[in-house]
């Protein structure tokens, strides 16, 4: 109430000092411009910090302090696969988790041959009952897990209204995008806390901070990941655990079609390999990032304009009125 009373007092003081409506609107406009300016300055500082600082530091030695092994879920496709390869290139042994044993074996062999590190493959279907996490915990019991990358996700096959989404699909989205991330953190965290070191990376998407109508559950699950990561960061930072919320925009390959005309601009829609190379460098630097400089710039610019305008531009660029 005190804040509300202060605002009303400020409002009355401004109105008393303004002799015309135009003067009043000018003051309001000045406040709005100042607010946007501060957001812009803060966003630019954050962008520079998360993308320039890694270039000035030797990152491999810092990242290796987390431990010898990295666990990557969703490791057979897209960002998860590229992230696993990038960590392997920096000397990490990799535990690959996915539902496809065939893809796991192919990627495992390629990583061992290319980077000379050790790998462990775990075939896991996160849409099964919670017993799978008991098996994972047992398998990781004696492993020095330094980094956990939660990259597994399930997305709507196409935008559709919530009432038209089958119940089975809703449960799959919740199990894969929310329950799997939560339980994987709960599985590896005790060891990290005991060793007083480690890093957790939760990969979501920009839909966590931008409206995505007709993809309600997917968007809401990403918002959960964002909030979950921020709360964990406050809780675990004093214990030596680094928690990062990774919020990519459009990344190449499978997502290219949904990026509309943007896929013609490769610096805006990087390949998973390029994206992972940049994202890994932000470990230990920033707790919340898009992971890629051009994505950070896009997100920063989008915050300078009203939501309806950003959605309209997004629909135009994607070539579909169904996308936000």
Protein backbone atom coordinates (compact mmCIF):
# COMPACT_ATOMS: atom_id res chain seq x y z
CA UNK A 1 0.00 0.00 0.00
CA UNK A 2 2.88 2.33 0.76
CA UNK A 3 4.17 1.91 -2.78
CA UNK A 4 0.71 2.64 -4.22
CA UNK A 5 0.34 5.75 -2.04
CA UNK A 6 3.77 6.95 -3.14
CA UNK A 7 2.83 6.49 -6.76
CA UNK A 8 -0.42 8.45 -6.33
CA UNK A 9 1.47 11.23 -4.55
CA UNK A 10 4.00 11.39 -7.38
CA UNK A 11 1.18 11.40 -9.94
CA UNK A 12 -0.59 14.30 -8.21
CA UNK A 13 2.65 16.29 -7.90
CA UNK A 14 3.38 15.86 -11.60
CA UNK A 15 -0.19 16.83 -12.55
CA UNK A 16 0.02 19.94 -10.34
CA UNK A 17 3.24 21.03 -11.99
CA UNK A 18 2.00 20.47 -15.52
CA UNK A 19 -0.13 23.34 -16.83
CA UNK A 20 -1.35 21.49 -19.91
CA UNK A 21 -2.14 17.95 -20.98
CA UNK A 22 0.73 18.11 -23.44
CA UNK A 23 3.18 18.82 -20.66
CA UNK A 24 1.81 15.90 -18.69
CA UNK A 25 2.14 13.56 -21.68
CA UNK A 26 5.68 14.81 -22.25
CA UNK A 27 6.58 13.87 -18.67
CA UNK A 28 5.00 10.43 -19.05
CA UNK A 29 6.89 9.96 -22.32
CA UNK A 30 10.13 10.97 -20.63
CA UNK A 31 9.60 8.40 -17.89
CA UNK A 32 8.80 5.71 -20.45
CA UNK A 33 11.86 6.59 -22.55
CA UNK A 34 14.09 6.59 -19.48
CA UNK A 35 12.76 3.19 -18.44
CA UNK A 36 13.38 1.71 -21.89
CA UNK A 37 16.80 3.33 -21.96
CA UNK A 38 17.76 1.73 -18.67
CA UNK A 39 16.56 -1.66 -19.96
CA UNK A 40 18.65 -1.18 -23.09
CA UNK A 41 21.78 -0.22 -21.15
CA UNK A 42 21.34 -3.13 -18.75
CA UNK A 43 20.72 -5.54 -21.63
CA UNK A 44 23.80 -4.32 -23.50
CA UNK A 45 25.96 -4.77 -20.41
CA UNK A 46 24.60 -8.29 -19.90
CA UNK A 47 25.16 -9.13 -23.58
CA UNK A 48 28.76 -7.92 -23.46
CA UNK A 49 29.45 -9.71 -20.19
CA UNK A 50 28.14 -13.09 -21.34
CA UNK A 51 29.62 -13.01 -24.84
CA UNK A 52 32.86 -11.05 -24.52
CA UNK A 53 34.11 -12.26 -21.13
CA UNK A 54 34.55 -15.91 -22.30
CA UNK A 55 36.85 -14.66 -25.07
CA UNK A 56 39.16 -13.07 -22.51
CA UNK A 57 39.48 -16.12 -20.25
CA UNK A 58 40.94 -19.58 -20.63
CA UNK A 59 37.74 -21.55 -20.28
CA UNK A 60 38.87 -25.19 -20.51
CA UNK A 61 40.72 -25.21 -17.19
CA UNK A 62 37.82 -23.44 -15.44
CA UNK A 63 35.17 -25.77 -16.83
CA UNK A 64 37.22 -28.87 -16.05
CA UNK A 65 37.17 -27.91 -12.36
CA UNK A 66 33.57 -29.10 -12.25
CA UNK A 67 34.57 -32.76 -12.64
CA UNK A 68 35.54 -35.48 -15.09
CA UNK A 69 32.13 -36.56 -16.36
CA UNK A 70 29.23 -34.75 -18.00
CA UNK A 71 25.70 -36.13 -18.29
CA UNK A 72 23.71 -35.01 -21.32
CA UNK A 73 20.05 -35.91 -21.80
CA UNK A 74 18.51 -35.71 -25.26
CA UNK A 75 22.02 -36.44 -26.50
CA UNK A 76 21.20 -37.89 -29.92
CA UNK A 77 19.76 -34.82 -31.65
CA UNK A 78 20.11 -31.07 -32.00
CA UNK A 79 21.55 -29.01 -29.17
CA UNK A 80 21.99 -32.01 -26.85
CA UNK A 81 24.16 -33.90 -29.35
CA UNK A 82 26.20 -30.81 -30.22
CA UNK A 83 26.65 -29.91 -26.54
CA UNK A 84 27.92 -33.43 -25.79
CA UNK A 85 30.43 -33.21 -28.63
CA UNK A 86 31.58 -29.76 -27.53
CA UNK A 87 32.18 -30.94 -23.95
CA UNK A 88 34.01 -34.00 -25.27
CA UNK A 89 36.28 -31.72 -27.31
CA UNK A 90 37.22 -30.05 -24.00
CA UNK A 91 38.21 -33.35 -22.39
CA UNK A 92 35.04 -34.41 -20.60
CA UNK A 93 33.95 -38.01 -20.47
CA UNK A 94 30.32 -38.11 -21.58
CA UNK A 95 27.29 -40.03 -20.32
CA UNK A 96 24.80 -39.97 -23.18
CA UNK A 97 21.13 -40.42 -22.34
CA UNK A 98 18.42 -40.86 -24.95
CA UNK A 99 15.62 -43.21 -25.95
CA UNK A 100 17.32 -44.52 -29.13
CA UNK A 101 20.01 -47.14 -28.52
CA UNK A 102 20.99 -47.15 -32.19
CA UNK A 103 21.67 -43.41 -32.28
CA UNK A 104 23.42 -43.57 -28.91
CA UNK A 105 25.89 -46.16 -30.17
CA UNK A 106 26.63 -44.20 -33.35
CA UNK A 107 27.25 -40.94 -31.48
CA UNK A 108 29.24 -42.68 -28.75
CA UNK A 109 31.58 -44.31 -31.26
CA UNK A 110 32.06 -41.00 -33.10
CA UNK A 111 32.90 -39.13 -29.88
CA UNK A 112 35.39 -41.76 -28.70
CA UNK A 113 37.09 -41.89 -32.10
CA UNK A 114 37.24 -38.11 -32.56
CA UNK A 115 38.06 -36.88 -29.06
CA UNK A 116 39.57 -39.89 -27.30
CA UNK A 117 37.36 -39.63 -24.23
CA UNK A 118 35.26 -42.27 -22.51
CA UNK A 119 31.51 -42.54 -22.98
CA UNK A 120 28.62 -44.36 -21.34
CA UNK A 121 25.32 -44.89 -23.14
CA UNK A 122 22.03 -45.07 -21.27
CA UNK A 123 18.83 -45.87 -23.15
CA UNK A 124 16.06 -44.11 -21.21
CA UNK A 125 12.46 -43.35 -22.08
CA UNK A 126 11.44 -40.50 -19.80
CA UNK A 127 7.79 -41.20 -20.49
CA UNK A 128 8.01 -44.42 -18.49
CA UNK A 129 7.29 -44.57 -14.78
CA UNK A 130 9.60 -42.93 -12.25
CA UNK A 131 11.49 -46.19 -11.79
CA UNK A 132 13.85 -45.14 -14.58
CA UNK A 133 15.39 -42.56 -12.24
CA UNK A 134 16.24 -45.26 -9.71
CA UNK A 135 18.16 -47.07 -12.44
CA UNK A 136 19.94 -43.85 -13.46
CA UNK A 137 20.88 -43.07 -9.86
CA UNK A 138 22.31 -46.56 -9.40
CA UNK A 139 24.31 -46.31 -12.63
CA UNK A 140 25.77 -42.92 -11.66
CA UNK A 141 26.46 -43.78 -8.02
CA UNK A 142 30.25 -44.05 -8.36
CA UNK A 143 30.67 -41.51 -11.17
CA UNK A 144 32.14 -38.04 -10.62
CA UNK A 145 29.43 -36.09 -12.46
CA UNK A 146 30.63 -32.52 -12.87
CA UNK A 147 28.09 -31.21 -15.38
CA UNK A 148 24.46 -32.08 -16.03
CA UNK A 149 22.93 -30.81 -19.28
CA UNK A 150 19.16 -31.21 -19.39
CA UNK A 151 18.51 -30.96 -23.12
CA UNK A 152 15.75 -33.51 -23.53
CA UNK A 153 12.46 -31.97 -24.61
CA UNK A 154 9.26 -32.74 -26.42
CA UNK A 155 7.40 -30.18 -28.49
CA UNK A 156 3.97 -30.03 -30.08
CA UNK A 157 4.02 -31.63 -33.51
CA UNK A 158 2.23 -28.53 -34.73
CA UNK A 159 0.53 -25.58 -33.02
CA UNK A 160 -2.93 -26.50 -31.78
CA UNK A 161 -5.48 -25.31 -29.27
CA UNK A 162 -5.19 -26.78 -25.80
CA UNK A 163 -8.60 -28.46 -25.99
CA UNK A 164 -7.54 -30.21 -29.21
CA UNK A 165 -4.35 -31.66 -27.73
CA UNK A 166 -4.70 -35.39 -26.89
CA UNK A 167 -4.35 -36.32 -23.23
CA UNK A 168 -1.49 -38.72 -23.94
CA UNK A 169 0.43 -35.91 -25.60
CA UNK A 170 -0.13 -33.62 -22.63
CA UNK A 171 1.28 -36.22 -20.23
CA UNK A 172 4.28 -36.78 -22.50
CA UNK A 173 5.02 -33.05 -22.63
CA UNK A 174 4.81 -32.76 -18.84
CA UNK A 175 6.85 -35.91 -18.16
CA UNK A 176 9.58 -35.07 -20.64
CA UNK A 177 9.85 -31.31 -20.25
CA UNK A 178 9.21 -30.92 -16.52
CA UNK A 179 9.45 -34.19 -14.60
CA UNK A 180 12.58 -35.46 -16.40
CA UNK A 181 14.54 -32.26 -15.75
CA UNK A 182 13.46 -32.09 -12.11
CA UNK A 183 14.28 -35.73 -11.39
CA UNK A 184 17.64 -35.65 -13.22
CA UNK A 185 18.69 -32.68 -11.06
CA UNK A 186 17.52 -34.52 -7.96
CA UNK A 187 19.52 -37.57 -9.06
CA UNK A 188 22.94 -35.94 -9.60
CA UNK A 189 22.75 -33.07 -7.12
CA UNK A 190 23.64 -34.92 -3.88
CA UNK A 191 27.03 -35.89 -5.34
CA UNK A 192 27.72 -32.34 -6.48
CA UNK A 193 26.83 -30.92 -3.09
CA UNK A 194 29.06 -33.46 -1.38
CA UNK A 195 32.00 -32.52 -3.64
CA UNK A 196 31.10 -28.80 -3.42
CA UNK A 197 31.37 -28.33 -7.18
CA UNK A 198 29.34 -28.91 -10.29
CA UNK A 199 27.23 -27.24 -12.97
CA UNK A 200 23.62 -27.75 -14.05
CA UNK A 201 22.44 -26.48 -17.44
CA UNK A 202 18.71 -26.50 -18.16
CA UNK A 203 17.94 -25.91 -21.83
CA UNK A 204 14.52 -24.38 -22.53
CA UNK A 205 13.58 -21.92 -25.27
CA UNK A 206 12.59 -18.30 -25.75
CA UNK A 207 8.94 -19.31 -25.32
CA UNK A 208 9.60 -19.17 -21.57
CA UNK A 209 9.59 -15.36 -21.76
CA UNK A 210 7.44 -14.74 -24.85
CA UNK A 211 3.82 -15.74 -25.39
CA UNK A 212 3.37 -18.86 -27.52
CA UNK A 213 -0.37 -19.34 -28.11
CA UNK A 214 -1.47 -22.76 -29.35
CA UNK A 215 1.65 -24.24 -27.72
CA UNK A 216 0.48 -23.62 -24.17
CA UNK A 217 1.93 -26.65 -22.38
CA UNK A 218 5.29 -26.47 -24.14
CA UNK A 219 5.59 -22.75 -23.40
CA UNK A 220 4.51 -23.23 -19.79
CA UNK A 221 7.00 -26.06 -19.30
CA UNK A 222 9.79 -23.79 -20.49
CA UNK A 223 8.61 -21.11 -18.05
CA UNK A 224 8.85 -23.76 -15.32
CA UNK A 225 12.44 -24.55 -16.32
CA UNK A 226 13.33 -20.86 -16.21
CA UNK A 227 11.82 -20.39 -12.73
CA UNK A 228 13.21 -23.71 -11.49
CA UNK A 229 16.71 -22.75 -12.63
CA UNK A 230 16.59 -19.34 -10.98
CA UNK A 231 15.41 -20.77 -7.67
CA UNK A 232 18.07 -23.48 -7.78
CA UNK A 233 20.74 -20.88 -8.49
CA UNK A 234 19.81 -18.96 -5.33
CA UNK A 235 19.76 -22.17 -3.32
CA UNK A 236 22.91 -23.84 -4.64
CA UNK A 237 25.29 -20.98 -5.38
CA UNK A 238 26.55 -20.84 -1.77
CA UNK A 239 27.30 -24.57 -2.04
CA UNK A 240 29.59 -24.17 -5.05
CA UNK A 241 27.07 -25.35 -7.67
CA UNK A 242 26.62 -23.27 -10.82
CA UNK A 243 23.11 -23.34 -12.33
CA UNK A 244 22.40 -21.96 -15.78
CA UNK A 245 19.15 -21.37 -17.65
CA UNK A 246 19.93 -21.64 -21.36
CA UNK A 247 17.31 -19.94 -23.56
CA UNK A 248 18.02 -20.42 -27.27
CA UNK A 249 15.99 -18.91 -30.07
CA UNK A 250 15.98 -20.56 -33.50
CA UNK A 251 18.74 -23.12 -34.02
CA UNK A 252 19.36 -24.82 -37.38
CA UNK A 253 18.43 -28.20 -38.81
CA UNK A 254 15.02 -29.39 -37.58
CA UNK A 255 13.92 -25.98 -36.40
CA UNK A 256 14.90 -24.19 -39.60
CA UNK A 257 11.50 -24.63 -41.19
CA UNK A 258 9.78 -23.00 -38.21
CA UNK A 259 12.16 -20.04 -38.40
CA UNK A 260 10.71 -18.86 -41.71
CA UNK A 261 12.88 -16.40 -43.61
CA UNK A 262 15.34 -16.22 -40.71
CA UNK A 263 16.98 -19.47 -41.84
CA UNK A 264 18.40 -17.51 -44.76
CA UNK A 265 20.49 -15.55 -42.25
CA UNK A 266 22.86 -18.15 -40.74
CA UNK A 267 24.24 -15.77 -38.13
CA UNK A 268 20.70 -15.51 -36.68
CA UNK A 269 19.98 -19.25 -36.97
CA UNK A 270 23.25 -21.03 -36.13
CA UNK A 271 23.79 -24.75 -36.53
CA UNK A 272 23.62 -26.79 -33.29
CA UNK A 273 27.41 -27.14 -33.42
CA UNK A 274 28.00 -23.38 -33.67
CA UNK A 275 25.41 -22.73 -30.99
CA UNK A 276 26.91 -25.28 -28.57
CA UNK A 277 30.42 -23.89 -29.12
CA UNK A 278 29.23 -20.46 -27.96
CA UNK A 279 26.93 -21.75 -25.20
CA UNK A 280 29.56 -23.90 -23.48
CA UNK A 281 31.83 -20.86 -23.18
CA UNK A 282 29.24 -19.15 -20.97
CA UNK A 283 29.48 -21.84 -18.27
CA UNK A 284 30.46 -20.22 -15.01
CA UNK A 285 29.96 -16.75 -16.49
CA UNK A 286 26.22 -16.09 -16.50
CA UNK A 287 23.27 -17.90 -14.95
CA UNK A 288 20.74 -16.85 -17.58
CA UNK A 289 21.63 -16.50 -21.24
CA UNK A 290 20.50 -17.31 -24.75
CA UNK A 291 23.93 -18.86 -25.23
CA UNK A 292 24.58 -17.11 -28.54
CA UNK A 293 25.36 -13.45 -29.17
CA UNK A 294 22.88 -12.95 -32.05
CA UNK A 295 20.10 -14.56 -30.00
CA UNK A 296 20.88 -12.26 -27.09
CA UNK A 297 20.71 -9.28 -29.44
CA UNK A 298 17.35 -10.40 -30.84
CA UNK A 299 15.90 -10.88 -27.36
CA UNK A 300 17.22 -7.50 -26.23
CA UNK A 301 15.67 -5.70 -29.21
CA UNK A 302 12.35 -7.50 -28.74
CA UNK A 303 12.07 -6.05 -25.22
CA UNK A 304 12.15 -2.52 -26.57
CA UNK A 305 8.83 -2.96 -28.39
CA UNK A 306 5.28 -3.87 -27.28
CA UNK A 307 4.43 -7.56 -27.16
CA UNK A 308 1.80 -7.33 -29.90
CA UNK A 309 4.35 -5.79 -32.26
CA UNK A 310 6.91 -8.52 -31.57
CA UNK A 311 4.29 -11.23 -32.16
CA UNK A 312 3.24 -9.60 -35.43
CA UNK A 313 6.85 -9.47 -36.64
CA UNK A 314 7.35 -13.09 -35.52
CA UNK A 315 4.32 -14.21 -37.52
CA UNK A 316 5.58 -12.32 -40.57
CA UNK A 317 9.09 -13.82 -40.36
CA UNK A 318 7.87 -17.34 -39.70
CA UNK A 319 5.42 -17.20 -42.56
CA UNK A 320 2.66 -18.63 -40.41
CA UNK A 321 -0.01 -16.94 -38.29
CA UNK A 322 0.17 -19.87 -35.88
CA UNK A 323 3.60 -19.03 -34.56
CA UNK A 324 4.15 -16.33 -31.94
